[in-house]
N, C-alpha and C. Protein backbone atom coordinates (compact mmCIF):
# COMPACT_ATOMS: atom_id res chain seq x y z
N MET A 1 69.66 130.59 48.45
CA MET A 1 69.38 129.11 49.08
C MET A 1 69.33 128.17 48.30
N ALA A 2 69.58 127.34 49.37
CA ALA A 2 69.98 125.87 48.58
C ALA A 2 68.10 125.42 48.19
N SER A 3 67.50 124.33 47.22
CA SER A 3 66.33 123.85 47.03
C SER A 3 66.73 122.78 47.66
N LYS A 4 65.48 122.15 47.62
CA LYS A 4 64.95 121.06 48.32
C LYS A 4 65.17 120.39 47.25
N ARG A 5 65.89 119.04 48.00
CA ARG A 5 65.99 117.94 47.08
C ARG A 5 64.54 117.17 46.96
N THR A 6 63.52 116.85 45.92
CA THR A 6 62.27 116.59 46.04
C THR A 6 62.43 115.39 45.35
N GLY A 7 61.96 114.46 45.11
CA GLY A 7 61.69 113.29 43.95
C GLY A 7 62.00 113.63 42.53
N GLY A 8 60.45 114.48 42.51
CA GLY A 8 60.74 115.48 41.28
C GLY A 8 62.39 116.34 40.66
N ARG A 9 63.24 116.61 41.58
CA ARG A 9 64.21 117.45 41.54
C ARG A 9 65.28 116.17 40.93
N VAL A 10 65.03 114.69 41.78
CA VAL A 10 66.24 113.85 41.59
C VAL A 10 65.28 113.44 40.06
N LEU A 11 64.60 113.71 39.88
CA LEU A 11 63.52 112.82 38.53
C LEU A 11 64.35 113.31 37.51
N ILE A 12 64.09 114.76 37.03
CA ILE A 12 64.23 115.80 36.23
C ILE A 12 66.20 115.82 35.96
N GLN A 13 66.53 115.46 36.95
CA GLN A 13 68.10 115.19 37.12
C GLN A 13 68.85 113.84 36.29
N ALA A 14 67.77 112.90 36.39
CA ALA A 14 67.80 110.75 35.93
C ALA A 14 67.61 112.16 34.45
N LEU A 15 66.84 112.51 33.58
CA LEU A 15 66.47 112.85 32.87
C LEU A 15 67.16 113.43 31.57
N GLU A 16 67.99 114.55 32.38
CA GLU A 16 69.24 114.75 32.43
C GLU A 16 70.11 114.23 32.24
N ASN A 17 70.36 113.54 33.05
CA ASN A 17 71.95 112.80 32.91
C ASN A 17 71.31 111.80 31.83
N ASN A 18 70.33 111.16 30.92
CA ASN A 18 70.31 110.69 29.79
C ASN A 18 69.95 111.10 28.37
N GLY A 19 70.47 112.58 28.89
CA GLY A 19 70.77 113.57 27.33
C GLY A 19 68.85 113.97 27.28
N THR A 20 68.25 113.80 28.01
CA THR A 20 66.96 114.24 27.70
C THR A 20 66.97 116.07 27.39
N ASP A 21 66.65 116.79 26.56
CA ASP A 21 66.89 118.15 26.20
C ASP A 21 65.34 118.68 26.21
N TYR A 22 64.54 118.01 25.60
CA TYR A 22 62.17 118.63 25.68
C TYR A 22 61.60 117.39 26.26
N ILE A 23 60.98 117.64 26.73
CA ILE A 23 59.70 117.03 27.24
C ILE A 23 58.25 117.63 26.42
N PHE A 24 58.11 117.49 26.59
CA PHE A 24 56.24 117.41 25.93
C PHE A 24 55.19 116.91 26.68
N GLY A 25 54.45 118.04 27.54
CA GLY A 25 53.07 117.38 28.06
C GLY A 25 52.37 118.36 28.46
N VAL A 26 51.64 117.73 29.16
CA VAL A 26 50.27 119.07 29.64
C VAL A 26 50.27 118.94 31.41
N PRO A 27 50.88 120.11 32.15
CA PRO A 27 50.83 120.32 33.50
C PRO A 27 50.07 119.96 34.09
N GLY A 28 49.90 119.19 35.63
CA GLY A 28 49.21 118.21 36.27
C GLY A 28 49.44 118.34 37.22
N GLU A 29 48.32 118.35 38.47
CA GLU A 29 48.96 118.65 39.78
C GLU A 29 49.32 117.44 40.27
N SER A 30 49.12 115.90 39.71
CA SER A 30 50.07 114.77 39.78
C SER A 30 51.36 114.82 40.03
N TYR A 31 51.87 115.81 39.41
CA TYR A 31 53.55 115.67 39.25
C TYR A 31 53.95 117.37 39.54
N LEU A 32 53.54 118.06 40.56
CA LEU A 32 53.84 119.64 40.49
C LEU A 32 55.47 119.21 40.80
N GLU A 33 56.00 118.51 41.97
CA GLU A 33 56.99 118.69 42.17
C GLU A 33 57.92 118.71 41.22
N ALA A 34 57.59 117.18 40.32
CA ALA A 34 58.59 117.46 39.07
C ALA A 34 58.52 119.20 38.27
N LEU A 35 56.94 119.28 37.33
CA LEU A 35 57.18 120.73 37.01
C LEU A 35 58.35 122.16 37.89
N ASP A 36 57.79 122.13 39.23
CA ASP A 36 58.99 123.10 39.51
C ASP A 36 60.34 122.62 38.99
N ALA A 37 60.91 121.38 39.46
CA ALA A 37 62.61 121.05 38.79
C ALA A 37 62.76 121.80 37.42
N LEU A 38 61.68 121.43 36.27
CA LEU A 38 61.62 121.49 35.47
C LEU A 38 61.71 123.62 35.08
N TYR A 39 61.05 123.69 35.97
CA TYR A 39 61.16 125.16 35.90
C TYR A 39 62.35 125.89 36.57
N ASP A 40 63.22 125.05 37.77
CA ASP A 40 64.46 125.93 37.76
C ASP A 40 65.38 124.98 36.80
N GLY A 41 65.39 124.32 36.24
CA GLY A 41 66.02 123.68 35.40
C GLY A 41 66.49 124.41 34.23
N ARG A 42 65.20 125.29 33.83
CA ARG A 42 64.72 125.57 32.52
C ARG A 42 65.45 126.18 31.25
N GLU A 43 66.42 125.99 31.49
CA GLU A 43 67.80 126.16 30.65
C GLU A 43 68.69 124.79 30.32
N ARG A 44 68.16 124.00 30.51
CA ARG A 44 69.08 122.56 30.07
C ARG A 44 67.95 121.64 29.62
N ILE A 45 66.28 122.17 30.36
CA ILE A 45 65.84 121.02 29.66
C ILE A 45 64.70 121.71 29.37
N ARG A 46 63.51 121.76 27.48
CA ARG A 46 62.77 122.89 27.27
C ARG A 46 61.93 121.90 27.63
N TYR A 47 60.85 122.36 28.27
CA TYR A 47 59.12 121.57 29.23
C TYR A 47 58.33 122.28 27.67
N ILE A 48 57.80 121.81 27.05
CA ILE A 48 56.92 122.08 26.02
C ILE A 48 55.58 121.54 26.24
N THR A 49 54.75 122.81 27.03
CA THR A 49 53.56 122.99 26.91
C THR A 49 52.53 122.49 26.01
N CYS A 50 51.25 121.39 26.02
CA CYS A 50 50.14 121.30 25.53
C CYS A 50 49.44 121.40 26.51
N ARG A 51 48.55 120.82 25.24
CA ARG A 51 46.43 121.63 25.91
C ARG A 51 46.11 120.30 25.67
N GLN A 52 46.33 119.36 25.09
CA GLN A 52 45.38 117.93 25.28
C GLN A 52 46.75 117.23 24.99
N GLU A 53 46.94 115.61 26.14
CA GLU A 53 47.45 115.06 26.38
C GLU A 53 48.21 113.96 25.23
N GLY A 54 47.09 113.76 23.71
CA GLY A 54 47.40 112.77 22.88
C GLY A 54 48.42 113.87 22.14
N GLY A 55 47.79 114.98 21.95
CA GLY A 55 48.87 115.89 20.87
C GLY A 55 50.75 116.25 21.43
N ALA A 56 50.86 116.52 23.52
CA ALA A 56 52.12 115.93 23.61
C ALA A 56 52.59 114.68 23.47
N SER A 57 51.63 113.75 22.77
CA SER A 57 52.45 112.05 22.65
C SER A 57 52.62 111.74 21.63
N TYR A 58 51.90 112.54 20.92
CA TYR A 58 52.29 112.93 19.25
C TYR A 58 53.28 113.33 18.98
N MET A 59 53.13 114.44 19.86
CA MET A 59 54.70 115.30 19.69
C MET A 59 56.33 114.64 19.77
N ALA A 60 55.99 113.66 21.59
CA ALA A 60 57.10 113.27 21.75
C ALA A 60 57.06 112.40 21.34
N GLU A 61 56.21 111.87 20.57
CA GLU A 61 56.71 110.25 19.56
C GLU A 61 57.62 110.95 18.29
N ALA A 62 57.28 111.92 18.06
CA ALA A 62 57.84 112.79 16.43
C ALA A 62 58.75 113.08 17.03
N TYR A 63 59.41 113.81 17.53
CA TYR A 63 60.65 114.32 18.28
C TYR A 63 61.11 112.88 18.15
N ALA A 64 61.37 112.17 19.26
CA ALA A 64 62.12 110.86 19.13
C ALA A 64 62.20 110.21 18.00
N ARG A 65 61.53 110.36 16.43
CA ARG A 65 61.68 109.90 15.09
C ARG A 65 62.60 110.68 14.56
N LEU A 66 62.37 111.97 14.35
CA LEU A 66 63.73 112.81 14.24
C LEU A 66 64.96 113.54 15.12
N SER A 67 65.22 112.93 16.34
CA SER A 67 66.07 112.73 17.15
C SER A 67 66.86 111.85 17.24
N GLY A 68 65.95 110.46 17.42
CA GLY A 68 66.41 109.23 17.83
C GLY A 68 67.31 108.97 19.29
N LEU A 69 66.52 109.71 19.61
CA LEU A 69 66.29 109.96 21.45
C LEU A 69 65.15 109.87 21.82
N PRO A 70 64.80 109.26 23.05
CA PRO A 70 63.32 108.87 23.31
C PRO A 70 62.72 110.47 23.68
N GLY A 71 61.49 110.20 22.83
CA GLY A 71 61.07 111.10 22.99
C GLY A 71 60.49 111.19 24.72
N ILE A 72 60.45 112.25 25.19
CA ILE A 72 59.60 112.43 26.74
C ILE A 72 58.41 113.17 26.38
N CYS A 73 57.31 112.26 27.47
CA CYS A 73 56.39 112.62 27.23
C CYS A 73 55.30 112.76 29.53
N PHE A 74 54.67 113.80 29.81
CA PHE A 74 54.74 113.77 30.82
C PHE A 74 52.89 114.19 31.25
N VAL A 75 52.55 113.10 31.68
CA VAL A 75 50.77 113.24 31.92
C VAL A 75 50.53 113.11 33.47
N THR A 76 49.38 114.10 33.74
CA THR A 76 48.81 113.39 34.88
C THR A 76 47.58 112.44 34.88
N ARG A 77 47.58 111.63 35.92
CA ARG A 77 46.92 110.46 35.71
C ARG A 77 44.96 110.19 35.21
N GLY A 78 44.94 109.04 35.10
CA GLY A 78 43.35 108.60 34.57
C GLY A 78 43.59 109.72 33.06
N PRO A 79 42.47 110.20 33.19
CA PRO A 79 42.06 111.22 31.47
C PRO A 79 43.53 110.94 30.87
N GLY A 80 44.46 112.11 31.52
CA GLY A 80 45.76 112.26 31.10
C GLY A 80 46.58 111.06 30.38
N ALA A 81 46.34 110.00 31.39
CA ALA A 81 47.17 108.79 30.77
C ALA A 81 46.28 107.96 29.36
N THR A 82 44.88 108.30 29.84
CA THR A 82 44.25 107.60 28.41
C THR A 82 44.36 108.57 27.00
N ASN A 83 44.40 109.51 27.07
CA ASN A 83 44.74 110.57 26.16
C ASN A 83 46.09 110.43 25.87
N ALA A 84 47.00 109.83 26.63
CA ALA A 84 48.86 109.91 25.94
C ALA A 84 47.97 108.58 25.93
N SER A 85 47.78 107.61 25.37
CA SER A 85 48.15 106.36 24.79
C SER A 85 47.80 106.30 23.68
N ILE A 86 47.63 107.25 22.84
CA ILE A 86 47.85 107.14 21.36
C ILE A 86 49.22 107.29 20.34
N GLY A 87 50.29 108.09 21.76
CA GLY A 87 51.23 107.83 20.93
C GLY A 87 52.01 106.91 21.25
N VAL A 88 51.66 106.20 22.58
CA VAL A 88 52.19 105.30 23.48
C VAL A 88 52.08 103.99 22.19
N HIS A 89 50.78 104.34 21.75
CA HIS A 89 50.76 102.83 20.02
C HIS A 89 51.22 103.11 19.57
N THR A 90 51.07 104.80 18.95
CA THR A 90 52.04 104.46 17.73
C THR A 90 53.41 104.32 17.35
N ALA A 91 54.00 104.89 18.94
CA ALA A 91 55.24 104.29 19.56
C ALA A 91 55.92 102.75 19.07
N HIS A 92 54.87 102.15 19.85
CA HIS A 92 55.27 100.85 19.37
C HIS A 92 54.95 100.09 18.91
N GLN A 93 53.85 100.36 17.61
CA GLN A 93 53.95 100.05 16.31
C GLN A 93 55.16 100.66 15.34
N SER A 94 55.82 101.51 15.66
CA SER A 94 56.63 102.04 14.24
C SER A 94 58.12 102.10 15.49
N SER A 95 58.37 101.76 16.39
CA SER A 95 59.66 101.27 17.12
C SER A 95 59.88 101.80 17.21
N THR A 96 59.37 103.15 17.77
CA THR A 96 60.10 104.30 18.79
C THR A 96 60.54 104.55 20.09
N PRO A 97 61.84 104.89 20.22
CA PRO A 97 62.24 104.49 22.05
C PRO A 97 61.24 106.43 22.31
N TYR A 98 60.55 105.65 23.36
CA TYR A 98 59.66 106.91 24.10
C TYR A 98 59.59 106.67 25.33
N ILE A 99 59.05 108.00 26.22
CA ILE A 99 59.17 107.55 27.92
C ILE A 99 57.75 108.07 28.00
N LEU A 100 56.98 107.58 28.45
CA LEU A 100 55.93 108.37 29.16
C LEU A 100 55.74 108.49 30.17
N LEU A 101 56.06 109.44 31.17
CA LEU A 101 55.90 109.73 32.87
C LEU A 101 54.53 110.23 33.20
N ILE A 102 53.61 109.13 34.19
CA ILE A 102 52.24 109.57 34.65
C ILE A 102 52.26 109.49 35.86
N GLY A 103 51.68 111.14 35.96
CA GLY A 103 51.68 111.15 37.92
C GLY A 103 51.36 110.18 37.77
N GLN A 104 50.84 109.40 39.15
CA GLN A 104 50.20 108.45 39.81
C GLN A 104 49.50 109.06 41.33
N VAL A 105 47.81 108.54 41.62
CA VAL A 105 47.69 108.80 42.98
C VAL A 105 48.60 108.72 44.19
N PRO A 106 48.79 109.40 45.01
CA PRO A 106 49.42 109.47 46.29
C PRO A 106 50.03 107.40 46.59
N ARG A 107 50.63 107.26 47.56
CA ARG A 107 51.28 105.90 47.82
C ARG A 107 49.84 105.43 49.00
N GLY A 108 49.20 106.32 49.21
CA GLY A 108 48.54 106.04 50.67
C GLY A 108 47.14 105.47 50.23
N ASN A 109 46.50 106.17 48.80
CA ASN A 109 45.68 106.06 48.11
C ASN A 109 45.75 104.60 47.59
N THR A 110 46.20 104.42 46.52
CA THR A 110 46.47 103.02 45.89
C THR A 110 45.82 101.68 46.17
N ASP A 111 45.34 101.43 45.42
CA ASP A 111 44.04 100.05 45.29
C ASP A 111 43.01 100.39 45.97
N ARG A 112 42.18 101.42 46.43
CA ARG A 112 41.46 102.21 47.20
C ARG A 112 40.66 102.73 46.57
N GLU A 113 40.50 102.82 44.74
CA GLU A 113 39.47 103.52 43.99
C GLU A 113 39.86 104.67 44.30
N SER A 114 40.92 105.07 44.20
CA SER A 114 41.26 106.78 44.58
C SER A 114 40.57 107.28 43.27
N PHE A 115 40.23 108.81 43.11
CA PHE A 115 40.21 109.28 41.93
C PHE A 115 41.08 109.27 40.57
N GLN A 116 40.82 108.67 39.13
CA GLN A 116 41.62 108.50 38.50
C GLN A 116 42.46 107.81 38.25
N GLU A 117 42.57 106.89 39.62
CA GLU A 117 44.05 105.40 39.95
C GLU A 117 43.15 104.99 38.56
N ILE A 118 44.22 104.60 37.96
CA ILE A 118 44.34 103.13 36.80
C ILE A 118 45.90 102.51 37.44
N ASP A 119 45.36 101.25 36.88
CA ASP A 119 47.02 100.30 37.22
C ASP A 119 46.92 100.00 35.93
N TYR A 120 48.64 101.13 35.88
CA TYR A 120 49.39 101.54 34.03
C TYR A 120 49.73 99.64 34.16
N ARG A 121 50.55 99.29 34.70
CA ARG A 121 50.94 98.43 34.17
C ARG A 121 49.99 96.62 33.35
N ARG A 122 48.44 97.14 33.51
CA ARG A 122 47.52 96.34 32.46
C ARG A 122 46.75 96.92 31.68
N MET A 123 47.27 98.71 32.05
CA MET A 123 46.27 99.40 30.47
C MET A 123 47.56 99.24 29.29
N PHE A 124 48.77 99.60 30.30
CA PHE A 124 49.78 99.79 28.76
C PHE A 124 50.81 98.25 28.54
N GLY A 125 50.79 97.20 29.06
CA GLY A 125 51.47 96.13 28.98
C GLY A 125 51.33 95.31 27.87
N GLU A 126 50.04 95.71 27.02
CA GLU A 126 51.07 94.77 25.63
C GLU A 126 51.16 96.10 24.69
N MET A 127 51.20 97.32 24.83
CA MET A 127 51.64 97.91 23.77
C MET A 127 53.17 98.96 24.45
N THR A 128 53.64 97.98 24.93
CA THR A 128 55.31 99.04 25.60
C THR A 128 55.98 97.49 25.68
N LYS A 129 57.44 98.35 25.82
CA LYS A 129 57.89 97.21 26.25
C LYS A 129 58.37 96.59 27.48
N TRP A 130 58.68 98.50 28.13
CA TRP A 130 57.78 98.06 30.19
C TRP A 130 57.19 99.03 30.39
N VAL A 131 57.01 98.68 31.60
CA VAL A 131 55.59 99.39 32.38
C VAL A 131 56.27 98.79 34.48
N ALA A 132 55.99 100.11 34.64
CA ALA A 132 56.48 100.46 35.90
C ALA A 132 55.96 101.55 36.71
N GLN A 133 55.75 101.47 38.16
CA GLN A 133 55.86 102.48 38.96
C GLN A 133 56.98 102.17 40.17
N ILE A 134 56.89 103.30 40.18
CA ILE A 134 58.24 103.95 41.02
C ILE A 134 57.92 104.11 42.26
N GLU A 135 58.23 103.17 43.64
CA GLU A 135 57.80 102.77 44.36
C GLU A 135 58.51 103.63 46.26
N ASP A 136 60.17 104.00 45.22
CA ASP A 136 60.81 104.84 46.15
C ASP A 136 61.65 105.89 45.38
N ALA A 137 61.55 106.89 45.85
CA ALA A 137 62.18 107.86 45.41
C ALA A 137 63.59 107.76 45.33
N ALA A 138 64.58 107.09 46.29
CA ALA A 138 65.80 106.69 46.04
C ALA A 138 65.81 105.43 44.98
N ARG A 139 65.06 104.32 44.33
CA ARG A 139 65.12 104.33 42.99
C ARG A 139 65.18 104.73 42.05
N ILE A 140 64.86 106.40 41.92
CA ILE A 140 64.30 106.53 41.15
C ILE A 140 65.34 106.86 39.78
N PRO A 141 66.58 107.07 39.84
CA PRO A 141 67.72 107.28 38.75
C PRO A 141 67.97 105.82 37.83
N GLU A 142 67.94 104.86 38.60
CA GLU A 142 67.95 103.78 38.65
C GLU A 142 66.24 102.99 37.78
N TYR A 143 65.38 103.12 37.68
CA TYR A 143 64.48 103.26 37.58
C TYR A 143 64.19 104.27 35.67
N VAL A 144 65.06 105.87 35.81
CA VAL A 144 65.20 105.94 34.61
C VAL A 144 65.78 105.68 33.45
N ASN A 145 67.09 105.07 34.22
CA ASN A 145 68.81 104.81 33.15
C ASN A 145 67.77 103.61 32.93
N HIS A 146 66.95 102.89 33.68
CA HIS A 146 66.36 101.35 32.95
C HIS A 146 65.24 101.71 32.04
N ALA A 147 64.87 102.63 31.86
CA ALA A 147 63.31 103.25 31.12
C ALA A 147 64.12 103.24 29.71
N PHE A 148 65.38 103.75 29.73
CA PHE A 148 66.19 104.40 28.67
C PHE A 148 67.05 103.18 28.03
N LYS A 149 66.95 102.66 28.83
CA LYS A 149 68.42 101.26 27.99
C LYS A 149 67.12 100.51 27.37
N ILE A 150 66.01 99.95 28.24
CA ILE A 150 64.59 99.45 27.20
C ILE A 150 64.38 100.08 25.97
N ALA A 151 64.16 101.53 26.07
CA ALA A 151 63.42 102.19 24.97
C ALA A 151 64.17 102.45 23.99
N LEU A 152 65.39 102.05 24.42
CA LEU A 152 66.39 101.98 23.04
C LEU A 152 66.98 100.87 22.71
N SER A 153 67.13 99.81 23.60
CA SER A 153 67.45 98.40 23.52
C SER A 153 66.82 97.67 22.12
N GLY A 154 67.61 96.51 21.11
CA GLY A 154 66.82 95.62 20.15
C GLY A 154 66.14 96.65 19.62
N ARG A 155 64.50 96.15 19.55
CA ARG A 155 63.43 96.80 18.38
C ARG A 155 63.23 97.55 19.67
N PRO A 156 63.12 99.12 19.14
CA PRO A 156 63.44 100.61 20.08
C PRO A 156 61.38 100.53 19.98
N GLY A 157 61.71 101.23 21.38
CA GLY A 157 59.88 101.33 21.83
C GLY A 157 59.67 102.00 23.13
N PRO A 158 57.96 101.84 23.59
CA PRO A 158 57.76 102.78 24.33
C PRO A 158 58.02 101.95 26.06
N VAL A 159 57.99 102.90 26.78
CA VAL A 159 58.13 102.66 28.91
C VAL A 159 57.29 103.30 29.26
N VAL A 160 56.20 103.28 30.00
CA VAL A 160 56.05 103.78 30.56
C VAL A 160 56.12 103.49 32.29
N LEU A 161 56.40 105.27 32.70
CA LEU A 161 56.95 104.81 33.94
C LEU A 161 55.77 105.61 34.95
N ALA A 162 54.55 105.27 35.72
CA ALA A 162 53.85 105.70 36.89
C ALA A 162 55.18 106.22 38.15
N LEU A 163 54.69 107.60 38.50
CA LEU A 163 55.14 107.77 39.54
C LEU A 163 54.14 108.84 40.74
N PRO A 164 54.13 108.02 41.86
CA PRO A 164 53.07 107.82 42.68
C PRO A 164 53.58 109.55 43.84
């Protein structure tokens, strides 16, 4: 039986197309489709489950320093993103290529003070090279490709993508 082509599957394929072989994170309900896709592709991308987002973020940043590839970290919204911010800040200060992917509230709940909703452009704007929120699943590959380009170009640094 063929797997359903979800936004999560498109996202994981885009990460794989950009050479991702490890992702660090704390599983969360705000990106279950991506976790399902990671499980299906576990031979190609290894997901390292962590106990706390700060640790996952530091692990992704350290991986990037050692490999020269962008460190990829997945966290859930609100506290997950705030806990991961220390790794983002470290990547910024150290010029490390890094991509933080944050599960965001559903699009229909945006700007309604939904549970754990944060404006990530405002939160991470001063410590990243680029912050964006993907609003259209058809544009996932474009955003991911751009995130890799930005993270690696010029002075390397962190990028944040929110995923409703």
